Protein backbone atom coordinates (compact mmCIF):
# COMPACT_ATOMS: atom_id res chain seq x y z
CA UNK A 1 0.00 0.00 0.00
CA UNK A 2 2.73 2.44 -0.97
CA UNK A 3 0.38 4.78 -2.83
CA UNK A 4 -1.39 7.43 -0.76
CA UNK A 5 -5.20 7.19 -0.47
CA UNK A 6 -5.53 10.27 -2.70
CA UNK A 7 -3.31 8.70 -5.37
CA UNK A 8 -5.24 5.44 -5.09
CA UNK A 9 -8.54 7.33 -5.43
CA UNK A 10 -7.28 9.04 -8.57
CA UNK A 11 -6.12 5.67 -9.88
CA UNK A 12 -9.69 4.37 -9.72
CA UNK A 13 -10.69 6.97 -12.34
CA UNK A 14 -8.33 5.51 -14.93
CA UNK A 15 -10.29 4.96 -18.14
CA UNK A 16 -12.95 7.52 -17.20
CA UNK A 17 -10.89 10.70 -17.02
CA UNK A 18 -12.03 11.97 -20.43
CA UNK A 19 -15.66 11.64 -19.30
CA UNK A 20 -14.83 13.38 -16.05
CA UNK A 21 -13.28 16.23 -18.03
CA UNK A 22 -16.41 16.56 -20.18
CA UNK A 23 -18.58 16.62 -17.06
CA UNK A 24 -16.41 19.32 -15.51
CA UNK A 25 -16.95 21.41 -18.66
CA UNK A 26 -20.70 20.75 -18.54
CA UNK A 27 -20.83 21.79 -14.88
CA UNK A 28 -18.90 24.98 -15.69
CA UNK A 29 -21.40 25.84 -18.45
CA UNK A 30 -24.31 25.20 -16.08
CA UNK A 31 -22.81 27.44 -13.40
CA UNK A 32 -21.89 30.11 -15.96
CA UNK A 33 -25.56 30.46 -16.80
CA UNK A 34 -26.30 30.94 -13.10
CA UNK A 35 -23.56 33.56 -12.72
CA UNK A 36 -24.99 35.62 -15.58
CA UNK A 37 -28.35 36.05 -13.85
CA UNK A 38 -27.33 38.80 -11.32
CA UNK A 39 -25.85 40.87 -14.13
CA UNK A 40 -29.03 40.49 -16.20
CA UNK A 41 -31.10 41.33 -13.10
CA UNK A 42 -29.06 44.52 -12.68
CA UNK A 43 -29.87 45.33 -16.31
CA UNK A 44 -33.60 44.90 -15.53
CA UNK A 45 -33.34 47.29 -12.54
CA UNK A 46 -31.34 49.84 -14.53
CA UNK A 47 -33.96 49.65 -17.32
CA UNK A 48 -36.71 50.39 -14.81
CA UNK A 49 -34.81 53.42 -13.55
CA UNK A 50 -34.00 54.81 -17.01
CA UNK A 51 -37.33 53.89 -18.61
CA UNK A 52 -35.77 51.66 -21.28
CA UNK A 53 -37.65 48.60 -22.64
CA UNK A 54 -37.84 45.66 -20.25
CA UNK A 55 -38.45 42.94 -22.85
CA UNK A 56 -34.79 42.32 -23.89
CA UNK A 57 -33.38 41.89 -20.33
CA UNK A 58 -36.41 39.90 -19.10
CA UNK A 59 -36.25 37.60 -22.14
CA UNK A 60 -32.52 37.12 -21.67
CA UNK A 61 -33.08 36.36 -17.98
CA UNK A 62 -35.59 33.63 -18.91
CA UNK A 63 -33.26 32.09 -21.52
CA UNK A 64 -30.30 32.10 -19.15
CA UNK A 65 -32.37 30.56 -16.32
CA UNK A 66 -33.83 27.80 -18.52
CA UNK A 67 -30.43 26.99 -20.03
CA UNK A 68 -28.92 26.62 -16.56
CA UNK A 69 -31.78 24.33 -15.49
CA UNK A 70 -31.42 22.02 -18.51
CA UNK A 71 -27.63 21.85 -18.21
CA UNK A 72 -27.81 21.15 -14.45
CA UNK A 73 -30.38 18.34 -14.90
CA UNK A 74 -28.38 16.65 -17.66
CA UNK A 75 -25.16 17.00 -15.68
CA UNK A 76 -26.77 15.47 -12.57
CA UNK A 77 -27.86 12.39 -14.51
CA UNK A 78 -24.47 11.91 -16.16
CA UNK A 79 -22.71 12.27 -12.80
CA UNK A 80 -24.94 9.60 -11.26
CA UNK A 81 -24.30 7.20 -14.11
CA UNK A 82 -20.55 7.84 -13.99
CA UNK A 83 -20.51 7.14 -10.24
CA UNK A 84 -22.27 3.81 -10.70
CA UNK A 85 -19.85 2.82 -13.46
CA UNK A 86 -16.75 3.73 -11.47
CA UNK A 87 -17.94 1.80 -8.41
CA UNK A 88 -18.76 -1.19 -10.62
CA UNK A 89 -15.20 -1.10 -11.96
CA UNK A 90 -13.79 -0.94 -8.42
CA UNK A 91 -15.94 -3.86 -7.26
CA UNK A 92 -15.08 -5.91 -10.33
CA UNK A 93 -11.39 -5.33 -9.65
CA UNK A 94 -11.80 -6.29 -5.99
CA UNK A 95 -13.65 -9.49 -6.85
CA UNK A 96 -10.87 -10.45 -9.26
CA UNK A 97 -8.26 -9.62 -6.64
CA UNK A 98 -10.04 -11.69 -3.98
CA UNK A 99 -10.53 -14.73 -6.21
CA UNK A 100 -6.88 -14.73 -7.30
CA UNK A 101 -5.43 -14.02 -3.85
CA UNK A 102 -3.34 -16.53 -1.95
CA UNK A 103 -5.46 -18.84 0.20
CA UNK A 104 -3.78 -17.92 3.51
CA UNK A 105 -3.90 -14.18 2.79
CA UNK A 106 -7.67 -14.28 2.40
CA UNK A 107 -8.83 -17.01 4.79
CA UNK A 108 -7.26 -15.30 7.80
CA UNK A 109 -9.39 -12.18 7.23
CA UNK A 110 -12.83 -11.99 8.89
CA UNK A 111 -15.48 -12.60 6.22
CA UNK A 112 -17.80 -9.90 7.56
CA UNK A 113 -15.04 -7.30 7.33
CA UNK A 114 -14.24 -8.32 3.75
CA UNK A 115 -17.92 -8.01 2.83
CA UNK A 116 -18.10 -4.55 4.43
CA UNK A 117 -15.11 -3.38 2.41
CA UNK A 118 -16.50 -4.71 -0.87
CA UNK A 119 -20.06 -3.51 -0.13
CA UNK A 120 -20.50 -0.45 2.05
CA UNK A 121 -17.01 1.00 1.59
CA UNK A 122 -17.23 0.91 -2.19
CA UNK A 123 -20.69 2.51 -1.94
CA UNK A 124 -19.06 5.43 -0.12
CA UNK A 125 -16.71 5.77 -3.08
CA UNK A 126 -19.62 6.41 -5.45
CA UNK A 127 -20.17 10.03 -4.43
CA UNK A 128 -16.46 10.61 -4.09
CA UNK A 129 -15.57 9.22 -7.50
CA UNK A 130 -18.24 11.20 -9.34
CA UNK A 131 -19.87 14.17 -7.63
CA UNK A 132 -16.99 14.98 -5.27
CA UNK A 133 -14.34 14.85 -7.98
CA UNK A 134 -16.34 16.73 -10.62
CA UNK A 135 -18.23 19.21 -8.48
CA UNK A 136 -15.33 19.47 -6.07
CA UNK A 137 -13.17 20.57 -9.02
CA UNK A 138 -15.81 22.96 -10.37
CA UNK A 139 -16.80 24.56 -7.03
CA UNK A 140 -13.50 26.46 -6.49
CA UNK A 141 -13.60 27.76 -10.07
CA UNK A 142 -17.21 28.91 -9.67
CA UNK A 143 -16.36 30.45 -6.31
CA UNK A 144 -13.39 32.27 -7.85
CA UNK A 145 -15.49 33.52 -10.79
CA UNK A 146 -18.19 34.72 -8.36
CA UNK A 147 -15.66 36.55 -6.25
CA UNK A 148 -14.10 38.21 -9.33
CA UNK A 149 -17.52 39.42 -10.50
CA UNK A 150 -18.25 40.71 -6.99
CA UNK A 151 -14.91 42.53 -6.88
CA UNK A 152 -15.76 44.20 -10.20
CA UNK A 153 -19.13 45.30 -8.82
CA UNK A 154 -17.78 46.82 -5.57
CA UNK A 155 -14.28 46.36 -4.19
CA UNK A 156 -15.10 47.52 -0.64
CA UNK A 157 -17.93 45.02 -0.20
CA UNK A 158 -15.72 42.32 -1.72
CA UNK A 159 -12.96 42.88 0.88
CA UNK A 160 -15.50 42.75 3.74
CA UNK A 161 -16.96 39.52 2.38
CA UNK A 162 -13.50 37.97 1.88
CA UNK A 163 -12.55 38.52 5.52
CA UNK A 164 -15.67 36.68 6.71
CA UNK A 165 -15.04 33.88 4.19
CA UNK A 166 -11.45 33.31 5.33
CA UNK A 167 -12.44 32.98 9.01
CA UNK A 168 -15.33 30.57 8.39
CA UNK A 169 -13.39 28.47 5.86
CA UNK A 170 -10.52 27.98 8.32
CA UNK A 171 -12.94 26.72 10.97
CA UNK A 172 -14.60 24.43 8.42
CA UNK A 173 -11.35 22.76 7.32
CA UNK A 174 -10.43 22.08 10.95
CA UNK A 175 -13.72 20.23 11.47
CA UNK A 176 -13.27 18.33 8.18
CA UNK A 177 -9.94 16.96 9.42
CA UNK A 178 -11.68 15.51 12.47
CA UNK A 179 -14.53 14.22 10.31
CA UNK A 180 -12.10 12.21 8.18
CA UNK A 181 -10.76 10.30 11.20
CA UNK A 182 -14.25 9.79 12.67
CA UNK A 183 -15.54 8.37 9.36
CA UNK A 184 -12.74 5.81 9.11
CA UNK A 185 -13.40 4.71 12.70
CA UNK A 186 -17.15 4.39 11.98
CA UNK A 187 -16.49 2.19 8.94
CA UNK A 188 -14.18 -0.04 10.98
CA UNK A 189 -16.88 -0.42 13.64
CA UNK A 190 -19.46 -1.46 11.05
CA UNK A 191 -17.01 -4.02 9.65
CA UNK A 192 -16.53 -5.45 13.16
CA UNK A 193 -20.29 -5.74 13.67
CA UNK A 194 -20.74 -7.56 10.34
CA UNK A 195 -17.92 -9.95 11.26
CA UNK A 196 -19.70 -10.84 14.53
CA UNK A 197 -23.01 -11.43 12.75
CA UNK A 198 -21.34 -13.57 10.08
CA UNK A 199 -19.61 -15.68 12.76
CA UNK A 200 -22.94 -16.39 14.49
CA UNK A 201 -24.77 -17.19 11.24
CA UNK A 202 -22.13 -19.73 10.22
CA UNK A 203 -22.45 -21.53 13.57
CA UNK A 204 -26.17 -20.88 14.03
CA UNK A 205 -27.02 -24.46 15.05
CA UNK A 206 -24.26 -24.44 17.66
CA UNK A 207 -25.53 -21.16 19.08
CA UNK A 208 -29.02 -22.65 19.39
CA UNK A 209 -27.79 -25.94 20.81
CA UNK A 210 -25.71 -24.27 23.52
CA UNK A 211 -28.38 -21.71 24.35
CA UNK A 212 -26.03 -18.76 23.87
CA UNK A 213 -28.49 -16.54 22.01
CA UNK A 214 -28.55 -13.97 24.81
CA UNK A 215 -24.77 -13.69 25.15
CA UNK A 216 -24.30 -13.49 21.39
CA UNK A 217 -27.04 -10.85 21.23
CA UNK A 218 -25.24 -8.83 23.87
CA UNK A 219 -21.92 -9.11 22.05
CA UNK A 220 -23.38 -8.09 18.69
CA UNK A 221 -25.39 -5.33 20.36
CA UNK A 222 -22.17 -4.00 21.89
CA UNK A 223 -20.61 -3.96 18.40
CA UNK A 224 -23.71 -2.26 17.00
CA UNK A 225 -23.64 0.28 19.85
CA UNK A 226 -19.99 1.06 19.10
CA UNK A 227 -20.90 1.52 15.42
CA UNK A 228 -23.83 3.73 16.47
CA UNK A 229 -21.65 5.94 18.65
CA UNK A 230 -19.05 6.27 15.91
CA UNK A 231 -21.83 7.11 13.44
CA UNK A 232 -23.20 9.75 15.81
CA UNK A 233 -19.75 11.36 15.99
CA UNK A 234 -19.69 11.46 12.20
CA UNK A 235 -23.21 12.92 12.09
CA UNK A 236 -22.27 15.57 14.67
CA UNK A 237 -19.17 16.66 12.77
CA UNK A 238 -21.00 16.50 9.45
CA UNK A 239 -23.74 18.75 10.86
CA UNK A 240 -21.10 21.14 12.18
CA UNK A 241 -19.52 21.39 8.73
CA UNK A 242 -22.93 22.03 7.19
CA UNK A 243 -23.79 24.59 9.88
CA UNK A 244 -20.52 26.46 9.37
CA UNK A 245 -21.13 26.61 5.63
CA UNK A 246 -24.69 27.93 5.98
CA UNK A 247 -23.81 30.26 8.87
CA UNK A 248 -20.99 31.79 6.87
CA UNK A 249 -23.38 32.66 4.07
CA UNK A 250 -25.92 34.17 6.46
CA UNK A 251 -23.26 36.29 8.11
CA UNK A 252 -21.91 37.40 4.74
CA UNK A 253 -25.40 38.38 3.54
CA UNK A 254 -26.14 40.46 6.64
CA UNK A 255 -22.72 42.15 6.65
CA UNK A 256 -22.90 42.96 2.93
CA UNK A 257 -26.47 44.29 3.31
CA UNK A 258 -25.46 46.58 6.18
CA UNK A 259 -22.30 47.91 4.55
CA UNK A 260 -24.01 48.18 1.15
CA UNK A 261 -26.90 50.20 2.61
CA UNK A 262 -24.44 52.68 4.12
CA UNK A 263 -22.63 53.02 0.80
CA UNK A 264 -25.93 53.69 -1.03
CA UNK A 265 -26.82 56.39 1.51
CA UNK A 266 -23.40 57.97 0.98
CA UNK A 267 -23.90 57.84 -2.80
CA UNK A 268 -20.95 55.54 -3.37
CA UNK A 269 -23.08 52.68 -4.74
CA UNK A 270 -26.21 52.14 -6.86
CA UNK A 271 -29.17 50.08 -5.65
CA UNK A 272 -28.90 47.81 -8.74
CA UNK A 273 -25.25 47.11 -7.89
CA UNK A 274 -26.17 46.14 -4.31
CA UNK A 275 -28.97 43.86 -5.52
CA UNK A 276 -26.60 42.16 -7.97
CA UNK A 277 -23.95 41.84 -5.24
CA UNK A 278 -26.47 40.32 -2.81
CA UNK A 279 -27.59 37.87 -5.49
CA UNK A 280 -23.97 36.77 -5.85
CA UNK A 281 -23.81 36.35 -2.06
CA UNK A 282 -26.82 34.02 -2.22
CA UNK A 283 -25.27 32.24 -5.21
CA UNK A 284 -22.14 31.74 -3.16
CA UNK A 285 -24.19 29.25 -1.17
CA UNK A 286 -24.11 26.74 -4.01
CA UNK A 287 -20.32 26.57 -4.66
CA UNK A 288 -19.60 26.83 -0.91
CA UNK A 289 -22.08 24.07 -0.02
CA UNK A 290 -20.93 22.02 -3.00
CA UNK A 291 -17.33 22.45 -1.94
CA UNK A 292 -18.27 21.58 1.64
CA UNK A 293 -20.21 18.50 0.52
CA UNK A 294 -17.38 17.49 -1.81
CA UNK A 295 -14.85 17.90 1.01
CA UNK A 296 -17.02 15.77 3.33
CA UNK A 297 -17.52 13.15 0.63
CA UNK A 298 -13.82 13.23 -0.17
CA UNK A 299 -13.02 12.75 3.52
CA UNK A 300 -15.34 9.75 3.69
CA UNK A 301 -14.03 8.46 0.38
CA UNK A 302 -10.39 8.62 1.46
CA UNK A 303 -11.28 6.70 4.62
CA UNK A 304 -13.05 4.11 2.44
CA UNK A 305 -10.06 3.97 0.09
CA UNK A 306 -7.78 3.04 2.98
CA UNK A 307 -10.01 0.08 3.81
CA UNK A 308 -10.60 -0.96 0.21
CA UNK A 309 -6.88 -0.79 -0.53
CA UNK A 310 -6.23 -3.48 2.09
CA UNK A 311 -8.00 -5.84 -0.31
CA UNK A 312 -6.91 -4.16 -3.53
CA UNK A 313 -3.23 -4.78 -2.80
CA UNK A 314 -3.58 -8.45 -1.86
CA UNK A 315 -0.82 -10.26 -3.76
CA UNK A 316 -2.12 -12.66 -6.38
CA UNK A 317 -0.94 -16.23 -6.64
CA UNK A 318 2.01 -16.38 -8.97
CA UNK A 319 0.52 -18.32 -11.85
CA UNK A 320 3.60 -18.44 -14.04
CA UNK A 321 5.64 -21.67 -14.02
CA UNK A 322 8.86 -21.70 -12.02
CA UNK A 323 11.85 -23.50 -13.45
CA UNK A 324 11.99 -26.87 -11.65
CA UNK A 325 15.10 -27.77 -9.71
CA UNK A 326 15.72 -30.93 -11.74
CA UNK A 327 14.44 -32.66 -14.84
CA UNK A 328 11.68 -35.20 -15.19
CA UNK A 329 11.76 -38.11 -12.79
CA UNK A 330 10.28 -41.48 -13.84
CA UNK A 331 7.36 -41.98 -11.41
CA UNK A 332 3.59 -42.21 -11.51
CA UNK A 333 1.17 -40.47 -9.20
CA UNK A 334 2.52 -38.11 -6.56
CA UNK A 335 5.98 -38.00 -5.09
CA UNK A 336 7.00 -35.69 -2.24
CA UNK A 337 10.73 -35.18 -1.73
CA UNK A 338 12.16 -33.73 1.51
CA UNK A 339 9.38 -31.16 2.08
CA UNK A 340 9.94 -28.45 4.68
CA UNK A 341 7.26 -25.89 5.45
CA UNK A 342 6.75 -23.40 8.27
CA UNK A 343 3.97 -21.16 9.55
CA UNK A 344 5.95 -18.24 10.94
CA UNK A 345 8.95 -19.66 12.75
CA UNK A 346 7.37 -23.01 13.66
CA UNK A 347 8.07 -25.87 11.19
CA UNK A 348 4.95 -27.84 10.24
CA UNK A 349 6.67 -30.28 7.89
CA UNK A 350 10.21 -31.47 8.60
CA UNK A 351 11.70 -33.26 5.62
CA UNK A 352 8.53 -35.13 4.62
CA UNK A 353 8.98 -37.63 1.77
CA UNK A 354 6.42 -40.09 0.42
CA UNK A 355 5.13 -41.59 -2.81
CA UNK A 356 1.46 -42.11 -3.71
CA UNK A 357 1.16 -44.12 -6.91
CA UNK A 358 -1.98 -45.40 -8.64
CA UNK A 359 -4.21 -46.79 -5.93
CA UNK A 360 -5.46 -45.56 -2.57
CA UNK A 361 -2.98 -43.91 -0.19
CA UNK A 362 -4.26 -42.74 3.18
CA UNK A 363 -2.45 -40.22 5.40
CA UNK A 364 -3.06 -40.72 9.11
CA UNK A 365 -1.63 -39.29 12.30
CA UNK A 366 -2.49 -37.22 15.34
CA UNK A 367 -3.90 -33.71 14.99
CA UNK A 368 -1.23 -31.22 13.95
CA UNK A 369 0.93 -33.87 12.30
CA UNK A 370 0.89 -31.97 8.98
CA UNK A 371 -1.61 -34.04 6.99
CA UNK A 372 -3.76 -31.16 5.69
CA UNK A 373 -0.61 -29.10 5.07
CA UNK A 374 0.61 -31.81 2.69
CA UNK A 375 -2.62 -31.49 0.69
CA UNK A 376 -2.32 -27.68 0.65
CA UNK A 377 1.18 -27.92 -0.79
CA UNK A 378 0.05 -30.41 -3.44
CA UNK A 379 -2.67 -27.94 -4.50
CA UNK A 380 -0.09 -25.11 -4.27
CA UNK A 381 -2.19 -23.09 -1.85
CA UNK A 382 1.29 -22.65 -0.39
CA UNK A 383 4.76 -23.49 -1.65
CA UNK A 384 7.26 -25.47 0.45
CA UNK A 385 10.26 -23.75 1.98
CA UNK A 386 12.41 -26.64 0.69
CA UNK A 387 11.89 -29.80 -1.29
CA UNK A 388 9.65 -30.52 -4.26
CA UNK A 389 6.48 -32.30 -5.33
CA UNK A 390 6.27 -34.37 -8.52
CA UNK A 391 3.08 -35.19 -10.41
CA UNK A 392 3.59 -38.11 -12.77
CA UNK A 393 7.28 -37.21 -12.90
CA UNK A 394 6.87 -33.45 -13.37
CA UNK A 395 7.83 -30.89 -10.78
CA UNK A 396 4.55 -29.09 -10.11
CA UNK A 397 6.42 -25.76 -10.01
CA UNK A 398 6.85 -26.19 -13.77
CA UNK A 399 3.07 -25.90 -14.17
CA UNK A 400 0.82 -22.92 -13.76
CA UNK A 401 -1.59 -23.29 -10.89
CA UNK A 402 -4.45 -23.51 -13.37
CA UNK A 403 -2.76 -26.40 -15.19
CA UNK A 404 -1.90 -28.16 -11.94
CA UNK A 405 -5.38 -27.85 -10.42
CA UNK A 406 -6.92 -28.99 -13.69
CA UNK A 407 -5.10 -32.30 -13.16
CA UNK A 408 -6.25 -32.64 -9.53
CA UNK A 409 -9.69 -33.04 -7.95
CA UNK A 410 -9.89 -31.76 -4.39
CA UNK A 411 -12.46 -32.37 -1.64
CA UNK A 412 -11.91 -30.25 1.44
CA UNK A 413 -12.97 -31.20 4.93
CA UNK A 414 -16.00 -28.88 5.19
CA UNK A 415 -17.24 -30.01 1.74
CA UNK A 416 -18.71 -26.59 0.83
CA UNK A 417 -21.17 -26.57 -2.06
CA UNK A 418 -21.29 -23.83 -4.67
CA UNK A 419 -24.29 -23.30 -6.87
CA UNK A 420 -27.98 -22.64 -6.46
CA UNK A 421 -29.27 -26.17 -7.18
CA UNK A 422 -28.02 -29.71 -6.68
CA UNK A 423 -27.24 -29.96 -10.38
CA UNK A 424 -25.11 -26.80 -10.32
CA UNK A 425 -23.36 -27.97 -7.15
CA UNK A 426 -22.36 -31.39 -8.46
CA UNK A 427 -21.31 -30.04 -11.87
CA UNK A 428 -19.33 -27.19 -10.35
CA UNK A 429 -15.91 -27.03 -12.00
CA UNK A 430 -16.65 -30.11 -14.13
CA UNK A 431 -16.99 -30.13 -17.93
CA UNK A 432 -20.49 -29.65 -19.28
CA UNK A 433 -20.28 -33.10 -20.90
CA UNK A 434 -20.12 -34.60 -17.39
CA UNK A 435 -23.89 -34.19 -16.99
CA UNK A 436 -24.42 -37.47 -18.87
CA UNK A 437 -22.45 -39.23 -16.12
CA UNK A 438 -24.54 -37.78 -13.29
CA UNK A 439 -26.87 -40.77 -12.70
CA UNK A 440 -23.97 -43.21 -12.47
CA UNK A 441 -21.93 -41.00 -10.11
CA UNK A 442 -24.91 -40.30 -7.85
CA UNK A 443 -25.52 -44.05 -7.57
CA UNK A 444 -21.86 -44.60 -6.71
CA UNK A 445 -22.06 -42.16 -3.77
CA UNK A 446 -25.49 -43.43 -2.66
CA UNK A 447 -27.37 -40.19 -3.40
CA UNK A 448 -29.57 -41.40 -6.27
CA UNK A 449 -32.38 -42.62 -3.98
CA UNK A 450 -32.44 -39.39 -1.99
CA UNK A 451 -32.46 -37.24 -5.15
CA UNK A 452 -35.37 -39.29 -6.52
CA UNK A 453 -37.48 -38.34 -3.48
CA UNK A 454 -37.03 -34.60 -4.05
CA UNK A 455 -39.92 -32.86 -5.85
CA UNK A 456 -37.55 -31.02 -8.21
CA UNK A 457 -34.84 -33.67 -8.34
CA UNK A 458 -31.46 -32.25 -9.28
CA UNK A 459 -33.06 -28.83 -9.76
CA UNK A 460 -33.84 -28.60 -6.03
CA UNK A 461 -32.31 -25.53 -4.40
CA UNK A 462 -29.72 -26.42 -1.77
CA UNK A 463 -29.72 -23.20 0.27
CA UNK A 464 -26.72 -21.11 1.27
CA UNK A 465 -23.68 -23.30 2.11
CA UNK A 466 -25.83 -26.38 1.45
CA UNK A 467 -27.75 -25.74 4.69
CA UNK A 468 -30.68 -27.89 3.52
CA UNK A 469 -28.46 -30.98 3.33
CA UNK A 470 -26.90 -33.09 6.04
CA UNK A 471 -23.13 -33.10 6.49
CA UNK A 472 -22.91 -36.61 5.05
CA UNK A 473 -24.94 -35.65 1.98
CA UNK A 474 -22.69 -32.66 1.39
CA UNK A 475 -19.60 -34.85 1.65
CA UNK A 476 -20.95 -37.41 -0.81
CA UNK A 477 -21.98 -34.68 -3.23
CA UNK A 478 -18.51 -33.12 -2.96
CA UNK A 479 -16.91 -36.49 -3.77
CA UNK A 480 -19.26 -36.89 -6.75
CA UNK A 481 -18.22 -33.43 -7.94
CA UNK A 482 -14.54 -34.43 -7.69
CA UNK A 483 -15.08 -37.76 -9.48
CA UNK A 484 -16.75 -36.01 -12.42
CA UNK A 485 -13.56 -34.06 -13.11
CA UNK A 486 -11.84 -37.28 -14.26
CA UNK A 487 -8.60 -35.88 -12.83
CA UNK A 488 -5.27 -37.69 -12.63
CA UNK A 489 -5.27 -37.47 -8.83
CA UNK A 490 -8.11 -37.35 -6.30
CA UNK A 491 -7.12 -35.40 -3.18
CA UNK A 492 -9.49 -35.82 -0.22
CA UNK A 493 -9.37 -34.23 3.22
CA UNK A 494 -11.57 -36.15 5.69
CA UNK A 495 -14.11 -36.94 2.95
CA UNK A 496 -15.86 -39.64 5.03
CA UNK A 497 -15.85 -37.99 8.47
CA UNK A 498 -19.63 -37.34 8.59
CA UNK A 499 -20.91 -40.58 7.05
CA UNK A 500 -22.77 -43.43 8.70
CA UNK A 501 -21.48 -46.97 8.34
CA UNK A 502 -23.52 -47.93 5.26
CA UNK A 503 -22.87 -44.68 3.42
CA UNK A 504 -19.19 -44.90 4.27
CA UNK A 505 -18.97 -48.47 2.91
CA UNK A 506 -20.54 -47.35 -0.39
CA UNK A 507 -18.28 -44.31 -0.66
CA UNK A 508 -15.14 -46.28 0.21
CA UNK A 509 -16.05 -48.73 -2.55
CA UNK A 510 -16.34 -45.81 -4.99
CA UNK A 511 -12.92 -44.55 -3.90
CA UNK A 512 -11.48 -48.04 -4.45
CA UNK A 513 -13.00 -48.10 -7.93
CA UNK A 514 -11.39 -44.72 -8.63
CA UNK A 515 -8.09 -45.97 -7.21
CA UNK A 516 -8.08 -48.72 -9.83
CA UNK A 517 -7.52 -46.12 -12.58
CA UNK A 518 -5.92 -43.12 -10.84
CA UNK A 519 -4.09 -41.97 -7.72
CA UNK A 520 -6.29 -41.34 -4.70
CA UNK A 521 -4.64 -39.56 -1.76
CA UNK A 522 -6.87 -39.18 1.31
CA UNK A 523 -6.41 -37.73 4.77
CA UNK A 524 -8.61 -39.55 7.25
CA UNK A 525 -9.18 -40.19 10.92
CA UNK A 526 -11.46 -43.10 9.93
CA UNK A 527 -9.26 -46.17 10.14
CA UNK A 528 -11.90 -48.21 8.34
CA UNK A 529 -10.74 -46.32 5.22
CA UNK A 530 -7.08 -46.97 6.04
CA UNK A 531 -7.89 -50.67 6.34
CA UNK A 532 -8.84 -50.77 2.64
CA UNK A 533 -5.90 -48.66 1.42
CA UNK A 534 -3.08 -49.91 -0.74
CA UNK A 535 -0.73 -47.84 1.37
CA UNK A 536 -1.01 -46.05 4.72
CA UNK A 537 1.40 -43.24 5.63
CA UNK A 538 1.74 -42.42 9.33
CA UNK A 539 2.72 -38.80 10.00
CA UNK A 540 3.81 -37.37 13.34
CA UNK A 541 5.26 -33.92 14.08
CA UNK A 542 5.72 -33.15 10.39
CA UNK A 543 7.63 -36.33 9.57
CA UNK A 544 6.77 -39.66 7.98
CA UNK A 545 6.99 -42.11 10.84
CA UNK A 546 6.17 -45.24 8.86
CA UNK A 547 4.63 -46.49 5.61
CA UNK A 548 2.85 -49.78 5.01
CA UNK A 549 -0.52 -51.48 5.00
CA UNK A 550 -3.04 -51.17 7.79
CA UNK A 551 -2.16 -54.61 9.12
CA UNK A 552 1.59 -53.96 8.96
CA UNK A 553 1.32 -50.69 10.87
CA UNK A 554 -0.95 -52.25 13.51
CA UNK A 555 1.79 -54.79 14.17
CA UNK A 556 4.84 -52.49 13.99
CA UNK A 557 3.75 -49.00 15.12
CA UNK A 558 2.51 -48.40 18.67
CA UNK A 559 1.28 -44.88 17.76
CA UNK A 560 -0.76 -46.23 14.87
CA UNK A 561 -2.21 -48.95 17.06
CA UNK A 562 -3.20 -46.39 19.72
CA UNK A 563 -4.85 -44.13 17.13
CA UNK A 564 -6.71 -47.01 15.51
CA UNK A 565 -7.93 -48.39 18.83
CA UNK A 566 -9.04 -44.90 19.92
CA UNK A 567 -11.13 -44.61 16.75
CA UNK A 568 -12.80 -47.99 17.46
CA UNK A 569 -12.32 -48.93 13.78
CA UNK A 570 -9.17 -51.06 13.74
CA UNK A 571 -11.02 -53.94 12.03
CA UNK A 572 -11.23 -53.59 8.25
CA UNK A 573 -14.53 -53.29 6.43
CA UNK A 574 -15.53 -56.50 4.65
CA UNK A 575 -14.49 -56.51 1.00
CA UNK A 576 -17.23 -56.37 -1.64
C-alpha cells in the first residue's frame, strides 16, 4: 500500500478521465448560466430606472435561467451514471483480486469485514468518485469567478466579504480533518459488527444448541452500539460542517447588506449594484455548499479507500511456471521429496517424503501432524520452503496453478457446495459433458435414492452453504463433484468424516474403484478407510513415521495402534 489514499482514489478513475473532463466542462457551463443572472437582473433594474424597454433583459433572464436548469439536470444524470460505473469497476477489480489471492492471505481475514469493504465502503466511493471529484473541481472555479464578479461590482464590499469567508473556511477545514478520522473509525466499527453477525450465522445451530443466544445478542449489540456511537460522531461533525457553511453565508449576507446600505446612503453605490452583489452572495451558497459537501464526501471516500486498498493490494498467486530444480523423474502419481514448510517460525513439515502411486494412499496421524498441510502444498495453496512435489514425474512448479489444479480433484474437509441447485453444485468445476455421467456417479455415492425423493430432483435448491443438506450428503456430493472431473489425482481431506457406516462403505467402494484407474490420496481419521488402502502413511510432528498397509502398521507402530484403537475402527470393512 505504498500509494497514498488520494493517489489510489485518482487511480480508480483511470479509463474515465475523459468523461470526467467533459462533465467538468458541462458543470462549468451550467454554473456560468447561473452567474450571468445577477448581471441580467441589474440590467432589468437599470432599465426600470432609465425607462428603457424591459423585454430584452427579461427575455434574456428567462433564456439564461432555462439553459442553466437544462444543463444542471443533464449534468446530474451523467454524474450519477458515472458514479455507478466507477464503483462497478472498483468492485469488479476487488472481486478479481479476492478470487486470485493466496489462500492464507484471504482465509485469515474476517469474512464480515471483507464483505463490508467490498459492499458499504465501495458505496461510499460512489459520491467521491463522481460528484466529489467533478463538483469538487468545479466549485473552487465557480467560487473564484463569483468573487471576481463581486470585486468588479464593488471592491469595498468584496474585501469585507472575503474577511468573513477566510475565518469561516478555516474553521470548516479544521472540522473536516476531524470528520475524516471519525468516518474511518465508523467504517471499521461497522465491519466489526458484520464480522460478529457472520460468525454467528455460520455456527447458528451451535448457538441454538448451547443456548447462547442472549450472550451473542449482547456481544453483537455491543458492536452495534460502538458503530452507532461512531456514526453519531460522524453525524455531529457533518452537521457542524454544514452549519458552518450555511452560517458563513448568512453572516456574509447580513454584513454585505449593512455595509451596502451605508454606501448607497453615501452615494458611493447604486441600488442595482447592491442587488446584484447580494444575489452573488446568495449564489455563493451553491459553490460553498458544493465544496463543503465534496470535502465531506472526499473525507469519507479517502477513509473508504484506505479500507478498500487493504484488499486491492492483496498479492495474487504467482501463476507463471517456475523452473523446476531438476528434470523429469520417472514416477507415476505423486511424489514428495524432503518437504519443509513453516507457519511463521514453527516448522509444520520437517523433511517429509512419500510416494502415492496409482491406488489408494491414506495419510493418518495425530492432529497437527501436517496431513492437511501436505494437501495444501500439493494444491499449491502454499509453496514449500524446501523440497519438491512431482506429479507423474513433473515438478509441479513447472506448471501454472491452473494447469496443476486442472489435473487434480480436491475435496476439502468442510465439503462446501457452490451453486444454487443440486445440479449446479455437483457439476461445479466439471466439464459440461459430465452431466451425462450424473446418474452413475450419484448411484456410486449413494445419493440417487435421496435425489429421486425430491420434488424437483437435481433442480432442487440447496440453500446457502448447502444448509438444507446433512453433512454426510454434502460430503458425498462433494466427492461426486470431484469424481466427475476425471482428474489424474483425487485429493481428499476427511471426505468420510460425517458418514454413517452404510454410506461410508458405499463411498469407500467408490474410492477403491477410482483408485483402480488413478491416484487417490486421502487424509482420514477413519481407520476403516485406512484398512482398505493400498498404502497407509503415518505422520507425526511433520515427519513420515512409517509407511505400510493397515495390518503392517498395527503390528509395527505403537502410535498407529493407539490411534486405531481410539477410533474404534481397527477392524477392516468386509471386502465387496
